């Protein structure tokens, strides 16, 4: 899965978020939110990768229903990533504001 370009982006984002969380000394409750958001994205990415692999094995050629299924699975990853970004903003902006002011 880590060979997938999007998974590499998620890995980089995960590393940056964890480093930022350590840098601003997130309290335990906020770590729970961040970890849940990270896990949500990784679960969605894993399921998307699994669905794509199964679809490619079942129907090697182009098929409109398979294409739609892949699009929906990719959309789920986008939804998870957008939600994680929103959680990240809600958690980190007050900490970054405090550090900068």
PDB file of N, CA and C in Angstrom:
ATOM      1  N   UNK A   1       0.825  -1.187   0.000  1.00  0.00           N
ATOM      2  CA  UNK A   1       0.000   0.000   0.000  1.00  0.00           C
ATOM      3  C   UNK A   1       0.874   1.258   0.000  1.00  0.00           C
ATOM      4  N   UNK A   2       2.009   1.227   0.663  1.00  0.00           N
ATOM      5  CA  UNK A   2       2.840   2.434   0.736  1.00  0.00           C
ATOM      6  C   UNK A   2       3.496   2.780  -0.593  1.00  0.00           C
ATOM      7  N   UNK A   3       3.375   1.906  -1.576  1.00  0.00           N
ATOM      8  CA  UNK A   3       3.878   2.227  -2.910  1.00  0.00           C
ATOM      9  C   UNK A   3       2.916   3.132  -3.670  1.00  0.00           C
ATOM     10  N   UNK A   4       1.690   3.222  -3.191  1.00  0.00           N
ATOM     11  CA  UNK A   4       0.688   4.085  -3.823  1.00  0.00           C
ATOM     12  C   UNK A   4       1.057   5.550  -3.570  1.00  0.00           C
ATOM     13  N   UNK A   5       1.020   6.397  -4.601  1.00  0.00           N
ATOM     14  CA  UNK A   5       1.389   7.817  -4.417  1.00  0.00           C
ATOM     15  C   UNK A   5       0.566   8.520  -3.338  1.00  0.00           C
ATOM     16  N   UNK A   6      -0.732   8.250  -3.294  1.00  0.00           N
ATOM     17  CA  UNK A   6      -1.563   8.908  -2.286  1.00  0.00           C
ATOM     18  C   UNK A   6      -1.214   8.439  -0.882  1.00  0.00           C
ATOM     19  N   UNK A   7      -0.855   7.185  -0.730  1.00  0.00           N
ATOM     20  CA  UNK A   7      -0.454   6.685   0.579  1.00  0.00           C
ATOM     21  C   UNK A   7       0.834   7.364   1.031  1.00  0.00           C
ATOM     22  N   UNK A   8       1.722   7.654   0.108  1.00  0.00           N
ATOM     23  CA  UNK A   8       2.955   8.369   0.455  1.00  0.00           C
ATOM     24  C   UNK A   8       2.641   9.787   0.925  1.00  0.00           C
ATOM     25  N   UNK A   9       1.657  10.409   0.309  1.00  0.00           N
ATOM     26  CA  UNK A   9       1.219  11.739   0.758  1.00  0.00           C
ATOM     27  C   UNK A   9       0.639  11.644   2.166  1.00  0.00           C
ATOM     28  N   UNK A  10      -0.186  10.622   2.415  1.00  0.00           N
ATOM     29  CA  UNK A  10      -0.762  10.434   3.748  1.00  0.00           C
ATOM     30  C   UNK A  10       0.328  10.170   4.780  1.00  0.00           C
ATOM     31  N   UNK A  11       1.344   9.405   4.394  1.00  0.00           N
ATOM     32  CA  UNK A  11       2.452   9.128   5.314  1.00  0.00           C
ATOM     33  C   UNK A  11       3.192  10.412   5.667  1.00  0.00           C
ATOM     34  N   UNK A  12       3.466  11.244   4.674  1.00  0.00           N
ATOM     35  CA  UNK A  12       4.140  12.523   4.926  1.00  0.00           C
ATOM     36  C   UNK A  12       3.279  13.417   5.822  1.00  0.00           C
ATOM     37  N   UNK A  13       1.984  13.472   5.534  1.00  0.00           N
ATOM     38  CA  UNK A  13       1.076  14.286   6.350  1.00  0.00           C
ATOM     39  C   UNK A  13       1.019  13.761   7.777  1.00  0.00           C
ATOM     40  N   UNK A  14       0.979  12.448   7.933  1.00  0.00           N
ATOM     41  CA  UNK A  14       0.967  11.849   9.269  1.00  0.00           C
ATOM     42  C   UNK A  14       2.218  12.244  10.042  1.00  0.00           C
ATOM     43  N   UNK A  15       3.374  12.130   9.396  1.00  0.00           N
ATOM     44  CA  UNK A  15       4.632  12.480  10.057  1.00  0.00           C
ATOM     45  C   UNK A  15       4.649  13.956  10.455  1.00  0.00           C
ATOM     46  N   UNK A  16       4.205  14.838   9.564  1.00  0.00           N
ATOM     47  CA  UNK A  16       4.187  16.267   9.875  1.00  0.00           C
ATOM     48  C   UNK A  16       3.248  16.588  11.034  1.00  0.00           C
ATOM     49  N   UNK A  17       2.074  15.954  11.029  1.00  0.00           N
ATOM     50  CA  UNK A  17       1.096  16.209  12.091  1.00  0.00           C
ATOM     51  C   UNK A  17       1.631  15.716  13.435  1.00  0.00           C
ATOM     52  N   UNK A  18       2.234  14.545  13.454  1.00  0.00           N
ATOM     53  CA  UNK A  18       2.786  14.028  14.708  1.00  0.00           C
ATOM     54  C   UNK A  18       3.909  14.933  15.204  1.00  0.00           C
ATOM     55  N   UNK A  19       4.794  15.358  14.312  1.00  0.00           N
ATOM     56  CA  UNK A  19       5.882  16.257  14.720  1.00  0.00           C
ATOM     57  C   UNK A  19       5.334  17.585  15.242  1.00  0.00           C
ATOM     58  N   UNK A  20       4.311  18.123  14.577  1.00  0.00           N
ATOM     59  CA  UNK A  20       3.706  19.369  15.032  1.00  0.00           C
ATOM     60  C   UNK A  20       3.037  19.174  16.388  1.00  0.00           C
ATOM     61  N   UNK A  21       2.366  18.050  16.560  1.00  0.00           N
ATOM     62  CA  UNK A  21       1.727  17.764  17.843  1.00  0.00           C
ATOM     63  C   UNK A  21       2.728  17.691  18.987  1.00  0.00           C
ATOM     64  N   UNK A  22       3.869  17.078  18.723  1.00  0.00           N
ATOM     65  CA  UNK A  22       4.932  17.011  19.727  1.00  0.00           C
ATOM     66  C   UNK A  22       5.479  18.411  19.987  1.00  0.00           C
ATOM     67  N   UNK A  23       5.679  19.186  18.921  1.00  0.00           N
ATOM     68  CA  UNK A  23       6.262  20.524  19.049  1.00  0.00           C
ATOM     69  C   UNK A  23       5.385  21.461  19.883  1.00  0.00           C
ATOM     70  N   UNK A  24       4.064  21.373  19.692  1.00  0.00           N
ATOM     71  CA  UNK A  24       3.170  22.266  20.453  1.00  0.00           C
ATOM     72  C   UNK A  24       2.681  21.627  21.740  1.00  0.00           C
ATOM     73  N   UNK A  25       3.163  20.426  22.022  1.00  0.00           N
ATOM     74  CA  UNK A  25       2.816  19.713  23.267  1.00  0.00           C
ATOM     75  C   UNK A  25       1.302  19.562  23.437  1.00  0.00           C
ATOM     76  N   UNK A  26       0.704  18.880  22.450  1.00  0.00           N
ATOM     77  CA  UNK A  26      -0.739  18.656  22.515  1.00  0.00           C
ATOM     78  C   UNK A  26      -1.106  17.913  23.798  1.00  0.00           C
ATOM     79  N   UNK A  27      -2.204  18.321  24.423  1.00  0.00           N
ATOM     80  CA  UNK A  27      -2.693  17.548  25.568  1.00  0.00           C
ATOM     81  C   UNK A  27      -3.291  16.215  25.107  1.00  0.00           C
ATOM     82  N   UNK A  28      -3.399  15.292  26.046  1.00  0.00           N
ATOM     83  CA  UNK A  28      -3.845  13.933  25.716  1.00  0.00           C
ATOM     84  C   UNK A  28      -5.181  13.906  24.977  1.00  0.00           C
ATOM     85  N   UNK A  29      -6.133  14.696  25.383  1.00  0.00           N
ATOM     86  CA  UNK A  29      -7.447  14.703  24.736  1.00  0.00           C
ATOM     87  C   UNK A  29      -7.381  15.108  23.273  1.00  0.00           C
ATOM     88  N   UNK A  30      -6.500  16.041  22.963  1.00  0.00           N
ATOM     89  CA  UNK A  30      -6.353  16.459  21.577  1.00  0.00           C
ATOM     90  C   UNK A  30      -5.588  15.419  20.759  1.00  0.00           C
ATOM     91  N   UNK A  31      -4.672  14.702  21.412  1.00  0.00           N
ATOM     92  CA  UNK A  31      -4.002  13.594  20.715  1.00  0.00           C
ATOM     93  C   UNK A  31      -5.018  12.541  20.298  1.00  0.00           C
ATOM     94  N   UNK A  32      -6.022  12.293  21.144  1.00  0.00           N
ATOM     95  CA  UNK A  32      -7.054  11.318  20.783  1.00  0.00           C
ATOM     96  C   UNK A  32      -7.755  11.731  19.488  1.00  0.00           C
ATOM     97  N   UNK A  33      -8.082  13.006  19.363  1.00  0.00           N
ATOM     98  CA  UNK A  33      -8.735  13.497  18.148  1.00  0.00           C
ATOM     99  C   UNK A  33      -7.832  13.343  16.934  1.00  0.00           C
ATOM    100  N   UNK A  34      -6.564  13.719  17.096  1.00  0.00           N
ATOM    101  CA  UNK A  34      -5.611  13.648  15.981  1.00  0.00           C
ATOM    102  C   UNK A  34      -5.394  12.195  15.562  1.00  0.00           C
ATOM    103  N   UNK A  35      -5.214  11.318  16.532  1.00  0.00           N
ATOM    104  CA  UNK A  35      -4.992   9.897  16.210  1.00  0.00           C
ATOM    105  C   UNK A  35      -6.219   9.302  15.524  1.00  0.00           C
ATOM    106  N   UNK A  36      -7.409   9.649  15.997  1.00  0.00           N
ATOM    107  CA  UNK A  36      -8.634   9.144  15.362  1.00  0.00           C
ATOM    108  C   UNK A  36      -8.727   9.643  13.918  1.00  0.00           C
ATOM    109  N   UNK A  37      -8.370  10.894  13.688  1.00  0.00           N
ATOM    110  CA  UNK A  37      -8.419  11.443  12.328  1.00  0.00           C
ATOM    111  C   UNK A  37      -7.407  10.742  11.426  1.00  0.00           C
ATOM    112  N   UNK A  38      -6.205  10.547  11.940  1.00  0.00           N
ATOM    113  CA  UNK A  38      -5.170   9.849  11.164  1.00  0.00           C
ATOM    114  C   UNK A  38      -5.619   8.423  10.838  1.00  0.00           C
ATOM    115  N   UNK A  39      -6.143   7.734  11.836  1.00  0.00           N
ATOM    116  CA  UNK A  39      -6.601   6.359  11.613  1.00  0.00           C
ATOM    117  C   UNK A  39      -7.729   6.312  10.590  1.00  0.00           C
ATOM    118  N   UNK A  40      -8.636   7.272  10.637  1.00  0.00           N
ATOM    119  CA  UNK A  40      -9.732   7.307   9.670  1.00  0.00           C
ATOM    120  C   UNK A  40      -9.234   7.409   8.239  1.00  0.00           C
ATOM    121  N   UNK A  41      -8.241   8.251   8.038  1.00  0.00           N
ATOM    122  CA  UNK A  41      -7.686   8.400   6.691  1.00  0.00           C
ATOM    123  C   UNK A  41      -6.985   7.119   6.261  1.00  0.00           C
ATOM    124  N   UNK A  42      -6.181   6.533   7.163  1.00  0.00           N
ATOM    125  CA  UNK A  42      -5.453   5.308   6.799  1.00  0.00           C
ATOM    126  C   UNK A  42      -6.390   4.131   6.545  1.00  0.00           C
ATOM    127  N   UNK A  43      -7.461   4.034   7.314  1.00  0.00           N
ATOM    128  CA  UNK A  43      -8.440   2.966   7.079  1.00  0.00           C
ATOM    129  C   UNK A  43      -9.105   3.166   5.722  1.00  0.00           C
ATOM    130  N   UNK A  44      -9.506   4.390   5.422  1.00  0.00           N
ATOM    131  CA  UNK A  44     -10.127   4.663   4.120  1.00  0.00           C
ATOM    132  C   UNK A  44      -9.157   4.361   2.984  1.00  0.00           C
ATOM    133  N   UNK A  45      -7.891   4.744   3.150  1.00  0.00           N
ATOM    134  CA  UNK A  45      -6.886   4.480   2.110  1.00  0.00           C
ATOM    135  C   UNK A  45      -6.673   2.972   1.932  1.00  0.00           C
ATOM    136  N   UNK A  46      -6.624   2.239   3.029  1.00  0.00           N
ATOM    137  CA  UNK A  46      -6.433   0.785   2.944  1.00  0.00           C
ATOM    138  C   UNK A  46      -7.615   0.117   2.250  1.00  0.00           C
ATOM    139  N   UNK A  47      -8.828   0.517   2.612  1.00  0.00           N
ATOM    140  CA  UNK A  47     -10.012  -0.057   1.963  1.00  0.00           C
ATOM    141  C   UNK A  47     -10.065   0.309   0.487  1.00  0.00           C
ATOM    142  N   UNK A  48      -9.689   1.534   0.149  1.00  0.00           N
ATOM    143  CA  UNK A  48      -9.652   1.946  -1.248  1.00  0.00           C
ATOM    144  C   UNK A  48      -8.652   1.097  -2.022  1.00  0.00           C
ATOM    145  N   UNK A  49      -7.476   0.897  -1.461  1.00  0.00           N
ATOM    146  CA  UNK A  49      -6.447   0.094  -2.123  1.00  0.00           C
ATOM    147  C   UNK A  49      -6.919  -1.348  -2.298  1.00  0.00           C
ATOM    148  N   UNK A  50      -7.561  -1.896  -1.270  1.00  0.00           N
ATOM    149  CA  UNK A  50      -8.071  -3.270  -1.355  1.00  0.00           C
ATOM    150  C   UNK A  50      -9.156  -3.384  -2.422  1.00  0.00           C
ATOM    151  N   UNK A  51     -10.073  -2.429  -2.453  1.00  0.00           N
ATOM    152  CA  UNK A  51     -11.140  -2.471  -3.452  1.00  0.00           C
ATOM    153  C   UNK A  51     -10.562  -2.374  -4.859  1.00  0.00           C
ATOM    154  N   UNK A  52      -9.597  -1.495  -5.048  1.00  0.00           N
ATOM    155  CA  UNK A  52      -8.988  -1.355  -6.372  1.00  0.00           C
ATOM    156  C   UNK A  52      -8.286  -2.644  -6.791  1.00  0.00           C
ATOM    157  N   UNK A  53      -7.574  -3.285  -5.872  1.00  0.00           N
ATOM    158  CA  UNK A  53      -6.881  -4.533  -6.196  1.00  0.00           C
ATOM    159  C   UNK A  53      -7.877  -5.631  -6.563  1.00  0.00           C
ATOM    160  N   UNK A  54      -8.940  -5.749  -5.792  1.00  0.00           N
ATOM    161  CA  UNK A  54      -9.960  -6.755  -6.100  1.00  0.00           C
ATOM    162  C   UNK A  54     -10.646  -6.461  -7.430  1.00  0.00           C
ATOM    163  N   UNK A  55     -10.951  -5.200  -7.657  1.00  0.00           N
ATOM    164  CA  UNK A  55     -11.611  -4.828  -8.910  1.00  0.00           C
ATOM    165  C   UNK A  55     -10.716  -5.125 -10.103  1.00  0.00           C
ATOM    166  N   UNK A  56      -9.433  -4.813  -9.976  1.00  0.00           N
ATOM    167  CA  UNK A  56      -8.500  -5.080 -11.076  1.00  0.00           C
ATOM    168  C   UNK A  56      -8.339  -6.572 -11.329  1.00  0.00           C
ATOM    169  N   UNK A  57      -8.393  -7.370 -10.266  1.00  0.00           N
ATOM    170  CA  UNK A  57      -8.282  -8.818 -10.429  1.00  0.00           C
ATOM    171  C   UNK A  57      -9.546  -9.403 -11.058  1.00  0.00           C
ATOM    172  N   UNK A  58     -10.699  -8.869 -10.656  1.00  0.00           N
ATOM    173  CA  UNK A  58     -11.968  -9.406 -11.146  1.00  0.00           C
ATOM    174  C   UNK A  58     -12.260  -8.968 -12.578  1.00  0.00           C
ATOM    175  N   UNK A  59     -11.944  -7.727 -12.894  1.00  0.00           N
ATOM    176  CA  UNK A  59     -12.241  -7.168 -14.212  1.00  0.00           C
ATOM    177  C   UNK A  59     -10.993  -6.423 -14.690  1.00  0.00           C
ATOM    178  N   UNK A  60     -10.088  -7.133 -15.363  1.00  0.00           N
ATOM    179  CA  UNK A  60      -8.830  -6.489 -15.777  1.00  0.00           C
ATOM    180  C   UNK A  60      -9.015  -5.311 -16.740  1.00  0.00           C
ATOM    181  N   UNK A  61     -10.042  -5.339 -17.524  1.00  0.00           N
ATOM    182  CA  UNK A  61     -10.273  -4.248 -18.484  1.00  0.00           C
ATOM    183  C   UNK A  61     -11.074  -3.121 -17.861  1.00  0.00           C
ATOM    184  N   UNK A  62     -11.400  -2.144 -18.688  1.00  0.00           N
ATOM    185  CA  UNK A  62     -12.200  -1.013 -18.224  1.00  0.00           C
ATOM    186  C   UNK A  62     -13.675  -1.405 -18.234  1.00  0.00           C
ATOM    187  N   UNK A  63     -14.329  -1.155 -17.107  1.00  0.00           N
ATOM    188  CA  UNK A  63     -15.763  -1.427 -17.005  1.00  0.00           C
ATOM    189  C   UNK A  63     -16.383  -0.258 -16.247  1.00  0.00           C
ATOM    190  N   UNK A  64     -17.505   0.284 -16.745  1.00  0.00           N
ATOM    191  CA  UNK A  64     -18.077   1.474 -16.107  1.00  0.00           C
ATOM    192  C   UNK A  64     -18.457   1.272 -14.640  1.00  0.00           C
ATOM    193  N   UNK A  65     -18.971   0.091 -14.273  1.00  0.00           N
ATOM    194  CA  UNK A  65     -19.341  -0.141 -12.875  1.00  0.00           C
ATOM    195  C   UNK A  65     -18.108  -0.212 -11.981  1.00  0.00           C
ATOM    196  N   UNK A  66     -17.045  -0.820 -12.477  1.00  0.00           N
ATOM    197  CA  UNK A  66     -15.798  -0.897 -11.716  1.00  0.00           C
ATOM    198  C   UNK A  66     -15.221   0.507 -11.565  1.00  0.00           C
ATOM    199  N   UNK A  67     -15.243   1.276 -12.638  1.00  0.00           N
ATOM    200  CA  UNK A  67     -14.753   2.657 -12.578  1.00  0.00           C
ATOM    201  C   UNK A  67     -15.530   3.451 -11.535  1.00  0.00           C
ATOM    202  N   UNK A  68     -16.846   3.296 -11.511  1.00  0.00           N
ATOM    203  CA  UNK A  68     -17.673   4.003 -10.529  1.00  0.00           C
ATOM    204  C   UNK A  68     -17.343   3.575  -9.103  1.00  0.00           C
ATOM    205  N   UNK A  69     -17.161   2.276  -8.902  1.00  0.00           N
ATOM    206  CA  UNK A  69     -16.819   1.779  -7.567  1.00  0.00           C
ATOM    207  C   UNK A  69     -15.484   2.354  -7.104  1.00  0.00           C
ATOM    208  N   UNK A  70     -14.512   2.392  -8.011  1.00  0.00           N
ATOM    209  CA  UNK A  70     -13.207   2.954  -7.665  1.00  0.00           C
ATOM    210  C   UNK A  70     -13.328   4.442  -7.352  1.00  0.00           C
ATOM    211  N   UNK A  71     -14.147   5.149  -8.110  1.00  0.00           N
ATOM    212  CA  UNK A  71     -14.341   6.577  -7.862  1.00  0.00           C
ATOM    213  C   UNK A  71     -14.980   6.829  -6.500  1.00  0.00           C
ATOM    214  N   UNK A  72     -15.952   6.007  -6.148  1.00  0.00           N
ATOM    215  CA  UNK A  72     -16.617   6.161  -4.852  1.00  0.00           C
ATOM    216  C   UNK A  72     -15.631   5.870  -3.717  1.00  0.00           C
ATOM    217  N   UNK A  73     -14.822   4.824  -3.866  1.00  0.00           N
ATOM    218  CA  UNK A  73     -13.832   4.490  -2.836  1.00  0.00           C
ATOM    219  C   UNK A  73     -12.803   5.613  -2.696  1.00  0.00           C
ATOM    220  N   UNK A  74     -12.366   6.164  -3.818  1.00  0.00           N
ATOM    221  CA  UNK A  74     -11.430   7.293  -3.764  1.00  0.00           C
ATOM    222  C   UNK A  74     -12.099   8.505  -3.123  1.00  0.00           C
ATOM    223  N   UNK A  75     -13.368   8.695  -3.390  1.00  0.00           N
ATOM    224  CA  UNK A  75     -14.113   9.786  -2.768  1.00  0.00           C
ATOM    225  C   UNK A  75     -14.194   9.630  -1.255  1.00  0.00           C
ATOM    226  N   UNK A  76     -14.310   8.390  -0.797  1.00  0.00           N
ATOM    227  CA  UNK A  76     -14.333   8.142   0.647  1.00  0.00           C
ATOM    228  C   UNK A  76     -13.016   8.561   1.288  1.00  0.00           C
ATOM    229  N   UNK A  77     -11.915   8.311   0.599  1.00  0.00           N
ATOM    230  CA  UNK A  77     -10.609   8.741   1.113  1.00  0.00           C
ATOM    231  C   UNK A  77     -10.568  10.272   1.172  1.00  0.00           C
ATOM    232  N   UNK A  78     -11.080  10.917   0.141  1.00  0.00           N
ATOM    233  CA  UNK A  78     -11.106  12.379   0.122  1.00  0.00           C
ATOM    234  C   UNK A  78     -11.953  12.929   1.268  1.00  0.00           C
ATOM    235  N   UNK A  79     -13.085  12.318   1.522  1.00  0.00           N
ATOM    236  CA  UNK A  79     -13.943  12.741   2.632  1.00  0.00           C
ATOM    237  C   UNK A  79     -13.205  12.576   3.959  1.00  0.00           C
ATOM    238  N   UNK A  80     -12.552  11.432   4.148  1.00  0.00           N
ATOM    239  CA  UNK A  80     -11.801  11.190   5.386  1.00  0.00           C
ATOM    240  C   UNK A  80     -10.664  12.199   5.537  1.00  0.00           C
ATOM    241  N   UNK A  81      -9.946  12.465   4.459  1.00  0.00           N
ATOM    242  CA  UNK A  81      -8.831  13.408   4.515  1.00  0.00           C
ATOM    243  C   UNK A  81      -9.323  14.832   4.789  1.00  0.00           C
ATOM    244  N   UNK A  82     -10.446  15.205   4.202  1.00  0.00           N
ATOM    245  CA  UNK A  82     -11.008  16.531   4.447  1.00  0.00           C
ATOM    246  C   UNK A  82     -11.441  16.673   5.905  1.00  0.00           C
ATOM    247  N   UNK A  83     -12.078  15.645   6.424  1.00  0.00           N
ATOM    248  CA  UNK A  83     -12.467  15.656   7.838  1.00  0.00           C
ATOM    249  C   UNK A  83     -11.253  15.721   8.752  1.00  0.00           C
ATOM    250  N   UNK A  84     -10.207  14.979   8.400  1.00  0.00           N
ATOM    251  CA  UNK A  84      -8.983  15.006   9.200  1.00  0.00           C
ATOM    252  C   UNK A  84      -8.342  16.387   9.158  1.00  0.00           C
ATOM    253  N   UNK A  85      -8.365  17.027   8.005  1.00  0.00           N
ATOM    254  CA  UNK A  85      -7.815  18.383   7.890  1.00  0.00           C
ATOM    255  C   UNK A  85      -8.612  19.360   8.748  1.00  0.00           C
ATOM    256  N   UNK A  86      -9.927  19.210   8.758  1.00  0.00           N
ATOM    257  CA  UNK A  86     -10.765  20.089   9.586  1.00  0.00           C
ATOM    258  C   UNK A  86     -10.447  19.885  11.067  1.00  0.00           C
ATOM    259  N   UNK A  87     -10.325  18.630  11.489  1.00  0.00           N
ATOM    260  CA  UNK A  87      -9.960  18.344  12.880  1.00  0.00           C
ATOM    261  C   UNK A  87      -8.592  18.939  13.192  1.00  0.00           C
ATOM    262  N   UNK A  88      -7.652  18.764  12.266  1.00  0.00           N
ATOM    263  CA  UNK A  88      -6.315  19.320  12.464  1.00  0.00           C
ATOM    264  C   UNK A  88      -6.352  20.827  12.641  1.00  0.00           C
ATOM    265  N   UNK A  89      -7.141  21.505  11.838  1.00  0.00           N
ATOM    266  CA  UNK A  89      -7.257  22.961  11.968  1.00  0.00           C
ATOM    267  C   UNK A  89      -7.859  23.344  13.317  1.00  0.00           C
ATOM    268  N   UNK A  90      -8.921  22.657  13.707  1.00  0.00           N
ATOM    269  CA  UNK A  90      -9.559  22.969  14.991  1.00  0.00           C
ATOM    270  C   UNK A  90      -8.626  22.729  16.166  1.00  0.00           C
ATOM    271  N   UNK A  91      -7.794  21.708  16.068  1.00  0.00           N
ATOM    272  CA  UNK A  91      -6.872  21.392  17.154  1.00  0.00           C
ATOM    273  C   UNK A  91      -5.643  22.294  17.128  1.00  0.00           C
ATOM    274  N   UNK A  92      -5.040  22.483  15.963  1.00  0.00           N
ATOM    275  CA  UNK A  92      -3.736  23.145  15.903  1.00  0.00           C
ATOM    276  C   UNK A  92      -3.785  24.670  15.836  1.00  0.00           C
ATOM    277  N   UNK A  93      -4.800  25.242  15.243  1.00  0.00           N
ATOM    278  CA  UNK A  93      -4.820  26.701  15.078  1.00  0.00           C
ATOM    279  C   UNK A  93      -4.701  27.431  16.420  1.00  0.00           C
ATOM    280  N   UNK A  94      -5.446  27.040  17.451  1.00  0.00           N
ATOM    281  CA  UNK A  94      -5.266  27.751  18.731  1.00  0.00           C
ATOM    282  C   UNK A  94      -3.837  27.622  19.288  1.00  0.00           C
ATOM    283  N   UNK A  95      -3.228  26.456  19.123  1.00  0.00           N
ATOM    284  CA  UNK A  95      -1.861  26.264  19.613  1.00  0.00           C
ATOM    285  C   UNK A  95      -0.870  27.110  18.813  1.00  0.00           C
ATOM    286  N   UNK A  96      -1.022  27.122  17.502  1.00  0.00           N
ATOM    287  CA  UNK A  96      -0.130  27.918  16.663  1.00  0.00           C
ATOM    288  C   UNK A  96      -0.322  29.408  16.919  1.00  0.00           C
ATOM    289  N   UNK A  97      -1.564  29.815  17.146  1.00  0.00           N
ATOM    290  CA  UNK A  97      -1.847  31.219  17.459  1.00  0.00           C
ATOM    291  C   UNK A  97      -1.136  31.607  18.762  1.00  0.00           C
ATOM    292  N   UNK A  98      -1.229  30.739  19.771  1.00  0.00           N
ATOM    293  CA  UNK A  98      -0.584  31.011  21.061  1.00  0.00           C
ATOM    294  C   UNK A  98       0.931  31.106  20.923  1.00  0.00           C
ATOM    295  N   UNK A  99       1.513  30.266  20.080  1.00  0.00           N
ATOM    296  CA  UNK A  99       2.957  30.282  19.887  1.00  0.00           C
ATOM    297  C   UNK A  99       3.391  31.560  19.158  1.00  0.00           C
ATOM    298  N   UNK A 100       2.599  32.002  18.196  1.00  0.00           N
ATOM    299  CA  UNK A 100       2.965  33.158  17.389  1.00  0.00           C
ATOM    300  C   UNK A 100       2.640  34.499  18.046  1.00  0.00           C
ATOM    301  N   UNK A 101       1.815  34.492  19.092  1.00  0.00           N
ATOM    302  CA  UNK A 101       1.451  35.769  19.730  1.00  0.00           C
ATOM    303  C   UNK A 101       1.826  35.795  21.175  1.00  0.00           C
TER     304      UNK A 101
END
